[in-house]
Amino acid sequence: MREDLNALLKAYLTDGAVGASLAYSTGAAPTAITAGLADREHGVAVSPDRLFKIGSCTKTFVAAALV
């Protein structure tokens, strides 16, 4: 699974994303995978504890939860 998710993040960066982070759990402790930059200007890499501003994206999460 980890290899597939790494490939997904790599494709996401190839498509123009600057950085991304995801976490998953298969019943054990959560695993975080990161790629790219959290701060392009300063060259700071994404880390598992880095917070992202998601702005209006929360509307999508709420809509999905209500469906």
C-alpha atoms as a PDB file:
ATOM      1  CA  MET A   1       0.000   0.000   0.000  1.00  0.00           C
ATOM      2  CA  ARG A   2       2.777   2.427   0.892  1.00  0.00           C
ATOM      3  CA  GLU A   3       4.354   2.132  -2.569  1.00  0.00           C
ATOM      4  CA  ASP A   4       1.010   2.894  -4.229  1.00  0.00           C
ATOM      5  CA  LEU A   5       0.493   5.956  -2.033  1.00  0.00           C
ATOM      6  CA  ASN A   6       4.027   7.196  -2.714  1.00  0.00           C
ATOM      7  CA  ALA A   7       3.299   6.844  -6.442  1.00  0.00           C
ATOM      8  CA  LEU A   8       0.056   8.785  -5.965  1.00  0.00           C
ATOM      9  CA  LEU A   9       1.884  11.643  -4.233  1.00  0.00           C
ATOM     10  CA  LYS A  10       4.578  11.645  -6.923  1.00  0.00           C
ATOM     11  CA  ALA A  11       1.894  11.916  -9.625  1.00  0.00           C
ATOM     12  CA  TYR A  12       0.235  14.708  -7.657  1.00  0.00           C
ATOM     13  CA  LEU A  13       3.514  16.656  -7.634  1.00  0.00           C
ATOM     14  CA  THR A  14       4.059  15.938 -11.334  1.00  0.00           C
ATOM     15  CA  ASP A  15       0.618  17.434 -12.020  1.00  0.00           C
ATOM     16  CA  GLY A  16       1.665  20.702 -10.386  1.00  0.00           C
ATOM     17  CA  ALA A  17       1.128  20.375  -6.654  1.00  0.00           C
ATOM     18  CA  VAL A  18       3.841  21.938  -4.513  1.00  0.00           C
ATOM     19  CA  GLY A  19       3.467  19.581  -1.558  1.00  0.00           C
ATOM     20  CA  ALA A  20       1.147  17.037  -0.023  1.00  0.00           C
ATOM     21  CA  SER A  21       0.699  14.933   3.069  1.00  0.00           C
ATOM     22  CA  LEU A  22      -1.500  11.948   3.771  1.00  0.00           C
ATOM     23  CA  ALA A  23      -1.977   9.503   6.593  1.00  0.00           C
ATOM     24  CA  TYR A  24      -3.518   6.068   6.755  1.00  0.00           C
ATOM     25  CA  SER A  25      -4.027   3.272   9.219  1.00  0.00           C
ATOM     26  CA  THR A  26      -4.591  -0.424   8.703  1.00  0.00           C
ATOM     27  CA  GLY A  27      -5.518  -0.993  12.319  1.00  0.00           C
ATOM     28  CA  ALA A  28      -2.070  -0.256  13.689  1.00  0.00           C
ATOM     29  CA  ALA A  29      -0.579   3.141  14.460  1.00  0.00           C
ATOM     30  CA  PRO A  30      -1.215   5.707  11.699  1.00  0.00           C
ATOM     31  CA  THR A  31       1.453   6.081   9.027  1.00  0.00           C
ATOM     32  CA  ALA A  32       2.154   9.465   7.434  1.00  0.00           C
ATOM     33  CA  ILE A  33       3.588   9.982   3.957  1.00  0.00           C
ATOM     34  CA  THR A  34       4.736  13.375   2.711  1.00  0.00           C
ATOM     35  CA  ALA A  35       6.132  14.799  -0.506  1.00  0.00           C
ATOM     36  CA  GLY A  36       7.215  18.147  -1.858  1.00  0.00           C
ATOM     37  CA  LEU A  37       7.451  21.515  -0.175  1.00  0.00           C
ATOM     38  CA  ALA A  38       5.345  23.114   2.536  1.00  0.00           C
ATOM     39  CA  ASP A  39       6.987  26.492   1.895  1.00  0.00           C
ATOM     40  CA  ARG A  40       8.298  26.936  -1.625  1.00  0.00           C
ATOM     41  CA  GLU A  41       9.831  30.350  -0.916  1.00  0.00           C
ATOM     42  CA  HIS A  42      12.021  29.033   1.902  1.00  0.00           C
ATOM     43  CA  GLY A  43      12.483  25.479   0.584  1.00  0.00           C
ATOM     44  CA  VAL A  44      10.853  23.873   3.640  1.00  0.00           C
ATOM     45  CA  ALA A  45       9.823  20.268   3.029  1.00  0.00           C
ATOM     46  CA  VAL A  46       6.433  18.905   4.032  1.00  0.00           C
ATOM     47  CA  SER A  47       6.593  16.994   7.324  1.00  0.00           C
ATOM     48  CA  PRO A  48       3.965  14.781   8.994  1.00  0.00           C
ATOM     49  CA  ASP A  49       3.249  17.424  11.638  1.00  0.00           C
ATOM     50  CA  ARG A  50       2.908  20.295   9.152  1.00  0.00           C
ATOM     51  CA  LEU A  51      -0.540  21.924   9.016  1.00  0.00           C
ATOM     52  CA  PHE A  52      -2.061  23.064   5.732  1.00  0.00           C
ATOM     53  CA  LYS A  53      -4.636  25.782   5.178  1.00  0.00           C
ATOM     54  CA  ILE A  54      -7.453  24.078   3.308  1.00  0.00           C
ATOM     55  CA  GLY A  55      -9.853  27.014   3.070  1.00  0.00           C
ATOM     56  CA  SER A  56     -13.051  26.277   1.183  1.00  0.00           C
ATOM     57  CA  CYS A  57     -12.159  22.610   0.748  1.00  0.00           C
ATOM     58  CA  THR A  58     -13.979  21.912   4.014  1.00  0.00           C
ATOM     59  CA  LYS A  59     -17.270  22.364   2.144  1.00  0.00           C
ATOM     60  CA  THR A  60     -16.471  19.241   0.139  1.00  0.00           C
ATOM     61  CA  PHE A  61     -15.790  17.230   3.305  1.00  0.00           C
ATOM     62  CA  VAL A  62     -19.042  18.368   4.908  1.00  0.00           C
ATOM     63  CA  ALA A  63     -21.023  17.569   1.755  1.00  0.00           C
ATOM     64  CA  ALA A  64     -19.479  14.090   1.555  1.00  0.00           C
ATOM     65  CA  ALA A  65     -20.231  13.452   5.226  1.00  0.00           C
ATOM     66  CA  LEU A  66     -23.869  14.444   4.771  1.00  0.00           C
ATOM     67  CA  VAL A  67     -24.456  12.214   1.742  1.00  0.00           C
END
